[in-house]
Amino acid sequence: MKLRDITAKTDAELATLISSLRADLAQAAVDSRTKEIKDVKQIGRLKKAVSRALTVANERQIARMEATE
């Protein structure tokens, strides 16, 4: 998922995306251990997508905190 796609989402959509990506990552990890995964690079892509989404969420939270000060 591209950064511009993530930044275009609202806070609620972003929270949903993060939980969905984490669930997908957990499932991919299980599939990897049971040799059911076909694309092993998928795990790395999911990790990067989760970290991008968390970064955007944290940036927004910091911006909100600074705006209230």
C-alpha atoms as a PDB file:
ATOM      1  CA  MET A   1       0.000   0.000   0.000  1.00  0.00           C
ATOM      2  CA  LYS A   2       1.339   3.404  -0.996  1.00  0.00           C
ATOM      3  CA  LEU A   3       1.876   6.196   1.507  1.00  0.00           C
ATOM      4  CA  ARG A   4      -0.498   8.541  -0.313  1.00  0.00           C
ATOM      5  CA  ASP A   5      -3.258   5.912  -0.014  1.00  0.00           C
ATOM      6  CA  ILE A   6      -2.662   5.685   3.720  1.00  0.00           C
ATOM      7  CA  THR A   7      -2.548   9.441   4.307  1.00  0.00           C
ATOM      8  CA  ALA A   8      -5.829   9.893   2.417  1.00  0.00           C
ATOM      9  CA  LYS A   9      -7.671   7.788   5.003  1.00  0.00           C
ATOM     10  CA  THR A  10      -9.488   9.215   8.005  1.00  0.00           C
ATOM     11  CA  ASP A  11      -8.419   8.321  11.541  1.00  0.00           C
ATOM     12  CA  ALA A  12     -11.158   5.693  11.866  1.00  0.00           C
ATOM     13  CA  GLU A  13     -10.285   4.131   8.516  1.00  0.00           C
ATOM     14  CA  LEU A  14      -6.618   4.166   9.500  1.00  0.00           C
ATOM     15  CA  ALA A  15      -7.321   2.313  12.749  1.00  0.00           C
ATOM     16  CA  THR A  16      -9.342  -0.270  10.822  1.00  0.00           C
ATOM     17  CA  LEU A  17      -6.540  -0.609   8.274  1.00  0.00           C
ATOM     18  CA  ILE A  18      -3.931  -1.162  10.980  1.00  0.00           C
ATOM     19  CA  SER A  19      -5.935  -3.906  12.669  1.00  0.00           C
ATOM     20  CA  SER A  20      -6.658  -5.533   9.310  1.00  0.00           C
ATOM     21  CA  LEU A  21      -3.003  -5.446   8.266  1.00  0.00           C
ATOM     22  CA  ARG A  22      -1.922  -6.894  11.609  1.00  0.00           C
ATOM     23  CA  ALA A  23      -4.398  -9.751  11.215  1.00  0.00           C
ATOM     24  CA  ASP A  24      -3.140 -10.400   7.684  1.00  0.00           C
ATOM     25  CA  LEU A  25       0.439 -10.367   8.948  1.00  0.00           C
ATOM     26  CA  ALA A  26      -0.366 -12.841  11.707  1.00  0.00           C
ATOM     27  CA  GLN A  27      -2.076 -15.146   9.220  1.00  0.00           C
ATOM     28  CA  ALA A  28       0.871 -14.886   6.821  1.00  0.00           C
ATOM     29  CA  ALA A  29       3.268 -15.783   9.648  1.00  0.00           C
ATOM     30  CA  VAL A  30       1.206 -18.880  10.457  1.00  0.00           C
ATOM     31  CA  ASP A  31       1.054 -19.810   6.785  1.00  0.00           C
ATOM     32  CA  SER A  32       4.809 -19.380   6.537  1.00  0.00           C
ATOM     33  CA  ARG A  33       5.398 -21.752   9.425  1.00  0.00           C
ATOM     34  CA  THR A  34       3.082 -24.379   7.968  1.00  0.00           C
ATOM     35  CA  LYS A  35       4.585 -23.979   4.458  1.00  0.00           C
ATOM     36  CA  GLU A  36       1.244 -22.836   3.022  1.00  0.00           C
ATOM     37  CA  ILE A  37       2.419 -19.410   1.881  1.00  0.00           C
ATOM     38  CA  LYS A  38       3.059 -19.036  -1.820  1.00  0.00           C
ATOM     39  CA  ASP A  39       4.606 -15.558  -1.821  1.00  0.00           C
ATOM     40  CA  VAL A  40       7.174 -15.244   0.959  1.00  0.00           C
ATOM     41  CA  LYS A  41       7.765 -11.567   0.162  1.00  0.00           C
ATOM     42  CA  GLN A  42       4.209 -10.889   1.292  1.00  0.00           C
ATOM     43  CA  ILE A  43       5.332 -10.882   4.935  1.00  0.00           C
ATOM     44  CA  GLY A  44       7.831  -8.099   4.291  1.00  0.00           C
ATOM     45  CA  ARG A  45       5.278  -6.053   2.362  1.00  0.00           C
ATOM     46  CA  LEU A  46       2.768  -6.436   5.179  1.00  0.00           C
ATOM     47  CA  LYS A  47       5.330  -5.384   7.795  1.00  0.00           C
ATOM     48  CA  LYS A  48       6.146  -2.261   5.796  1.00  0.00           C
ATOM     49  CA  ALA A  49       2.465  -1.429   5.314  1.00  0.00           C
ATOM     50  CA  VAL A  50       1.819  -1.778   9.063  1.00  0.00           C
ATOM     51  CA  SER A  51       4.776   0.447   9.906  1.00  0.00           C
ATOM     52  CA  ARG A  52       3.695   3.082   7.362  1.00  0.00           C
ATOM     53  CA  ALA A  53       0.172   3.136   8.771  1.00  0.00           C
ATOM     54  CA  LEU A  54       1.427   3.355  12.354  1.00  0.00           C
ATOM     55  CA  THR A  55       3.786   6.181  11.391  1.00  0.00           C
ATOM     56  CA  VAL A  56       0.953   8.190   9.843  1.00  0.00           C
ATOM     57  CA  ALA A  57      -1.252   7.550  12.885  1.00  0.00           C
ATOM     58  CA  ASN A  58       1.508   8.671  15.267  1.00  0.00           C
ATOM     59  CA  GLU A  59       2.249  11.783  13.181  1.00  0.00           C
ATOM     60  CA  ARG A  60      -1.418  12.754  13.345  1.00  0.00           C
ATOM     61  CA  GLN A  61      -1.531  12.191  17.100  1.00  0.00           C
ATOM     62  CA  ILE A  62       1.569  14.339  17.626  1.00  0.00           C
ATOM     63  CA  ALA A  63       0.118  17.074  15.409  1.00  0.00           C
ATOM     64  CA  ARG A  64      -3.115  17.055  17.441  1.00  0.00           C
ATOM     65  CA  MET A  65      -1.184  17.270  20.707  1.00  0.00           C
ATOM     66  CA  GLU A  66       0.935  20.166  19.457  1.00  0.00           C
ATOM     67  CA  ALA A  67      -2.149  21.982  18.192  1.00  0.00           C
ATOM     68  CA  THR A  68      -3.754  21.871  21.650  1.00  0.00           C
ATOM     69  CA  GLU A  69      -0.695  23.316  23.383  1.00  0.00           C
END
